[in-house]
Amino acid sequence: MEKKRKPGRPKGSLNKKMSASEVENFIKLSIKKIMGDHLSWKEYVAWCYKNDLSTARANEYWKRSWETIREKYDLDKEKQISKHLLKYWQVYDDAIFKGDLTNARQSLDAIAKLMGLNEPEKMDLNTSGEINFKFGDE
């Protein structure tokens, strides 16, 4: 026979809580699941519910998973930018050595864009509602 509770404030979950290492492992598993299966928030919450987690915990783990994903891709982006900058500096040095000032100038322009020193490319807004992008000389 089920034990009756007194009326009033609910006591909360009776399930055992996860340890910190179990939470971290679950976050890693969540990231694989989110990225591998392209889960939406709703699908992720349903998946967590199947794993005996509450909606509140699912929301918390969703946020933590996406924070980790964003940090990882920001680091990857910085690595890629550094690699591209190194290659452009090598092209610049080769162009200066050969006396090819056109390629040297273009390399410096690309370096400045990667470092965020140049303003973005100009856009033309027509009255017809079209947006035309300008990529270099026409």
C-alpha atoms as a PDB file:
ATOM      1  CA  MET A   1       0.000   0.000   0.000  1.00  0.00           C
ATOM      2  CA  GLU A   2       1.283   3.433  -0.976  1.00  0.00           C
ATOM      3  CA  LYS A   3       2.257   5.770   1.841  1.00  0.00           C
ATOM      4  CA  LYS A   4       0.152   8.941   1.910  1.00  0.00           C
ATOM      5  CA  ARG A   5       1.882  12.261   2.183  1.00  0.00           C
ATOM      6  CA  LYS A   6       0.688  15.091   4.328  1.00  0.00           C
ATOM      7  CA  PRO A   7      -0.725  18.080   2.443  1.00  0.00           C
ATOM      8  CA  GLY A   8       1.613  21.009   1.966  1.00  0.00           C
ATOM      9  CA  ARG A   9       4.906  21.643   0.253  1.00  0.00           C
ATOM     10  CA  PRO A  10       6.099  18.676  -1.876  1.00  0.00           C
ATOM     11  CA  LYS A  11       9.339  17.065  -0.774  1.00  0.00           C
ATOM     12  CA  GLY A  12      10.790  16.755  -4.273  1.00  0.00           C
ATOM     13  CA  SER A  13      12.312  13.805  -6.068  1.00  0.00           C
ATOM     14  CA  LEU A  14      13.117  10.652  -4.183  1.00  0.00           C
ATOM     15  CA  ASN A  15      15.562   9.505  -6.879  1.00  0.00           C
ATOM     16  CA  LYS A  16      19.299   9.406  -6.162  1.00  0.00           C
ATOM     17  CA  LYS A  17      21.134  12.504  -7.455  1.00  0.00           C
ATOM     18  CA  MET A  18      24.007  12.222  -9.928  1.00  0.00           C
ATOM     19  CA  SER A  19      27.539  12.894  -8.730  1.00  0.00           C
ATOM     20  CA  ALA A  20      29.641  15.628 -10.363  1.00  0.00           C
ATOM     21  CA  SER A  21      31.524  13.110 -12.518  1.00  0.00           C
ATOM     22  CA  GLU A  22      28.256  11.488 -13.613  1.00  0.00           C
ATOM     23  CA  VAL A  23      26.900  14.907 -14.559  1.00  0.00           C
ATOM     24  CA  GLU A  24      30.008  15.656 -16.630  1.00  0.00           C
ATOM     25  CA  ASN A  25      29.725  12.281 -18.369  1.00  0.00           C
ATOM     26  CA  PHE A  26      26.047  12.947 -19.046  1.00  0.00           C
ATOM     27  CA  ILE A  27      26.919  16.378 -20.509  1.00  0.00           C
ATOM     28  CA  LYS A  28      29.454  14.707 -22.837  1.00  0.00           C
ATOM     29  CA  LEU A  29      26.855  12.149 -23.860  1.00  0.00           C
ATOM     30  CA  SER A  30      24.335  14.959 -24.368  1.00  0.00           C
ATOM     31  CA  ILE A  31      26.725  16.829 -26.673  1.00  0.00           C
ATOM     32  CA  LYS A  32      27.235  13.699 -28.782  1.00  0.00           C
ATOM     33  CA  LYS A  33      23.489  13.147 -28.898  1.00  0.00           C
ATOM     34  CA  ILE A  34      22.656  16.786 -29.747  1.00  0.00           C
ATOM     35  CA  MET A  35      25.320  17.106 -32.437  1.00  0.00           C
ATOM     36  CA  GLY A  36      25.036  13.560 -33.813  1.00  0.00           C
ATOM     37  CA  ASP A  37      21.266  13.320 -34.019  1.00  0.00           C
ATOM     38  CA  HIS A  38      20.633  17.081 -34.487  1.00  0.00           C
ATOM     39  CA  LEU A  39      18.204  17.165 -31.590  1.00  0.00           C
ATOM     40  CA  SER A  40      15.980  20.144 -30.991  1.00  0.00           C
ATOM     41  CA  TRP A  41      15.319  21.317 -27.447  1.00  0.00           C
ATOM     42  CA  LYS A  42      12.001  19.462 -27.378  1.00  0.00           C
ATOM     43  CA  GLU A  43      13.566  16.213 -28.601  1.00  0.00           C
ATOM     44  CA  TYR A  44      16.394  16.575 -26.097  1.00  0.00           C
ATOM     45  CA  VAL A  45      13.970  17.048 -23.189  1.00  0.00           C
ATOM     46  CA  ALA A  46      12.060  13.941 -24.299  1.00  0.00           C
ATOM     47  CA  TRP A  47      15.339  11.997 -24.475  1.00  0.00           C
ATOM     48  CA  CYS A  48      16.285  13.188 -20.972  1.00  0.00           C
ATOM     49  CA  TYR A  49      12.840  12.236 -19.685  1.00  0.00           C
ATOM     50  CA  LYS A  50      13.422   8.706 -20.995  1.00  0.00           C
ATOM     51  CA  ASN A  51      16.665   8.732 -18.970  1.00  0.00           C
ATOM     52  CA  ASP A  52      14.696   9.527 -15.779  1.00  0.00           C
ATOM     53  CA  LEU A  53      15.526  13.237 -15.640  1.00  0.00           C
ATOM     54  CA  SER A  54      13.098  16.025 -14.900  1.00  0.00           C
ATOM     55  CA  THR A  55      12.340  18.837 -17.327  1.00  0.00           C
ATOM     56  CA  ALA A  56      14.190  21.295 -15.093  1.00  0.00           C
ATOM     57  CA  ARG A  57      17.325  19.124 -15.129  1.00  0.00           C
ATOM     58  CA  ALA A  58      16.995  18.665 -18.900  1.00  0.00           C
ATOM     59  CA  ASN A  59      16.905  22.462 -19.341  1.00  0.00           C
ATOM     60  CA  GLU A  60      19.970  22.858 -17.158  1.00  0.00           C
ATOM     61  CA  TYR A  61      21.908  20.184 -19.058  1.00  0.00           C
ATOM     62  CA  TRP A  62      20.774  21.626 -22.422  1.00  0.00           C
ATOM     63  CA  LYS A  63      22.238  25.009 -21.466  1.00  0.00           C
ATOM     64  CA  ARG A  64      25.469  23.500 -20.156  1.00  0.00           C
ATOM     65  CA  SER A  65      25.837  21.363 -23.289  1.00  0.00           C
ATOM     66  CA  TRP A  66      25.441  24.353 -25.588  1.00  0.00           C
ATOM     67  CA  GLU A  67      27.897  26.434 -23.536  1.00  0.00           C
ATOM     68  CA  THR A  68      30.466  23.687 -23.991  1.00  0.00           C
ATOM     69  CA  ILE A  69      29.716  23.413 -27.715  1.00  0.00           C
ATOM     70  CA  ARG A  70      30.098  27.175 -28.215  1.00  0.00           C
ATOM     71  CA  GLU A  71      33.396  27.259 -26.306  1.00  0.00           C
ATOM     72  CA  LYS A  72      34.764  24.372 -28.377  1.00  0.00           C
ATOM     73  CA  TYR A  73      33.855  25.946 -31.705  1.00  0.00           C
ATOM     74  CA  ASP A  74      35.210  29.338 -30.658  1.00  0.00           C
ATOM     75  CA  LEU A  75      38.550  27.673 -29.908  1.00  0.00           C
ATOM     76  CA  ASP A  76      38.454  25.834 -33.244  1.00  0.00           C
ATOM     77  CA  LYS A  77      37.682  29.096 -35.026  1.00  0.00           C
ATOM     78  CA  GLU A  78      40.683  30.808 -33.396  1.00  0.00           C
ATOM     79  CA  LYS A  79      42.954  27.949 -34.478  1.00  0.00           C
ATOM     80  CA  GLN A  80      41.729  28.203 -38.079  1.00  0.00           C
ATOM     81  CA  ILE A  81      42.236  31.968 -38.157  1.00  0.00           C
ATOM     82  CA  SER A  82      45.796  31.544 -36.839  1.00  0.00           C
ATOM     83  CA  LYS A  83      46.554  28.954 -39.524  1.00  0.00           C
ATOM     84  CA  HIS A  84      45.195  31.226 -42.264  1.00  0.00           C
ATOM     85  CA  LEU A  85      47.163  34.209 -40.953  1.00  0.00           C
ATOM     86  CA  LEU A  86      50.372  32.179 -41.006  1.00  0.00           C
ATOM     87  CA  LYS A  87      49.743  31.100 -44.619  1.00  0.00           C
ATOM     88  CA  TYR A  88      48.934  34.669 -45.727  1.00  0.00           C
ATOM     89  CA  TRP A  89      52.137  35.958 -44.095  1.00  0.00           C
ATOM     90  CA  GLN A  90      54.097  33.292 -45.999  1.00  0.00           C
ATOM     91  CA  VAL A  91      52.444  34.368 -49.271  1.00  0.00           C
ATOM     92  CA  TYR A  92      53.252  37.997 -48.426  1.00  0.00           C
ATOM     93  CA  ASP A  93      56.922  37.182 -47.718  1.00  0.00           C
ATOM     94  CA  ASP A  94      57.226  35.200 -50.974  1.00  0.00           C
ATOM     95  CA  ALA A  95      55.589  38.021 -52.959  1.00  0.00           C
ATOM     96  CA  ILE A  96      57.931  40.660 -51.477  1.00  0.00           C
ATOM     97  CA  PHE A  97      60.944  38.414 -52.154  1.00  0.00           C
ATOM     98  CA  LYS A  98      59.880  38.058 -55.813  1.00  0.00           C
ATOM     99  CA  GLY A  99      58.992  41.745 -56.131  1.00  0.00           C
ATOM    100  CA  ASP A 100      55.302  40.995 -56.814  1.00  0.00           C
ATOM    101  CA  LEU A 101      53.691  43.991 -55.105  1.00  0.00           C
ATOM    102  CA  THR A 102      50.152  43.184 -56.309  1.00  0.00           C
ATOM    103  CA  ASN A 103      50.069  39.828 -54.515  1.00  0.00           C
ATOM    104  CA  ALA A 104      51.786  41.346 -51.481  1.00  0.00           C
ATOM    105  CA  ARG A 105      49.080  44.031 -51.252  1.00  0.00           C
ATOM    106  CA  GLN A 106      46.307  41.454 -51.665  1.00  0.00           C
ATOM    107  CA  SER A 107      47.854  39.306 -48.931  1.00  0.00           C
ATOM    108  CA  LEU A 108      47.975  42.282 -46.570  1.00  0.00           C
ATOM    109  CA  ASP A 109      44.346  43.053 -47.382  1.00  0.00           C
ATOM    110  CA  ALA A 110      43.340  39.457 -46.563  1.00  0.00           C
ATOM    111  CA  ILE A 111      45.348  39.598 -43.313  1.00  0.00           C
ATOM    112  CA  ALA A 112      43.631  42.822 -42.309  1.00  0.00           C
ATOM    113  CA  LYS A 113      40.193  41.287 -42.972  1.00  0.00           C
ATOM    114  CA  LEU A 114      41.002  38.193 -40.906  1.00  0.00           C
ATOM    115  CA  MET A 115      42.221  40.349 -38.028  1.00  0.00           C
ATOM    116  CA  GLY A 116      39.132  42.560 -38.248  1.00  0.00           C
ATOM    117  CA  LEU A 117      41.059  45.693 -39.157  1.00  0.00           C
ATOM    118  CA  ASN A 118      39.135  46.410 -42.374  1.00  0.00           C
ATOM    119  CA  GLU A 119      35.478  47.293 -42.546  1.00  0.00           C
ATOM    120  CA  PRO A 120      33.178  44.648 -44.049  1.00  0.00           C
ATOM    121  CA  GLU A 121      32.379  44.636 -47.754  1.00  0.00           C
ATOM    122  CA  LYS A 122      29.866  47.238 -48.898  1.00  0.00           C
ATOM    123  CA  MET A 123      26.279  46.278 -49.707  1.00  0.00           C
ATOM    124  CA  ASP A 124      23.922  48.046 -52.086  1.00  0.00           C
ATOM    125  CA  LEU A 125      20.245  48.185 -51.169  1.00  0.00           C
ATOM    126  CA  ASN A 126      18.049  48.728 -54.213  1.00  0.00           C
ATOM    127  CA  THR A 127      14.578  50.194 -53.968  1.00  0.00           C
ATOM    128  CA  SER A 128      13.205  46.927 -55.370  1.00  0.00           C
ATOM    129  CA  GLY A 129      14.169  45.116 -52.163  1.00  0.00           C
ATOM    130  CA  GLU A 130      17.145  43.262 -53.627  1.00  0.00           C
ATOM    131  CA  ILE A 131      20.470  43.152 -51.825  1.00  0.00           C
ATOM    132  CA  ASN A 132      23.558  43.145 -54.050  1.00  0.00           C
ATOM    133  CA  PHE A 133      26.918  42.244 -52.557  1.00  0.00           C
ATOM    134  CA  LYS A 134      30.127  43.611 -54.044  1.00  0.00           C
ATOM    135  CA  PHE A 135      33.048  41.208 -54.051  1.00  0.00           C
ATOM    136  CA  GLY A 136      36.073  43.094 -55.343  1.00  0.00           C
ATOM    137  CA  ASP A 137      36.204  45.065 -58.594  1.00  0.00           C
ATOM    138  CA  GLU A 138      33.483  44.647 -61.182  1.00  0.00           C
END
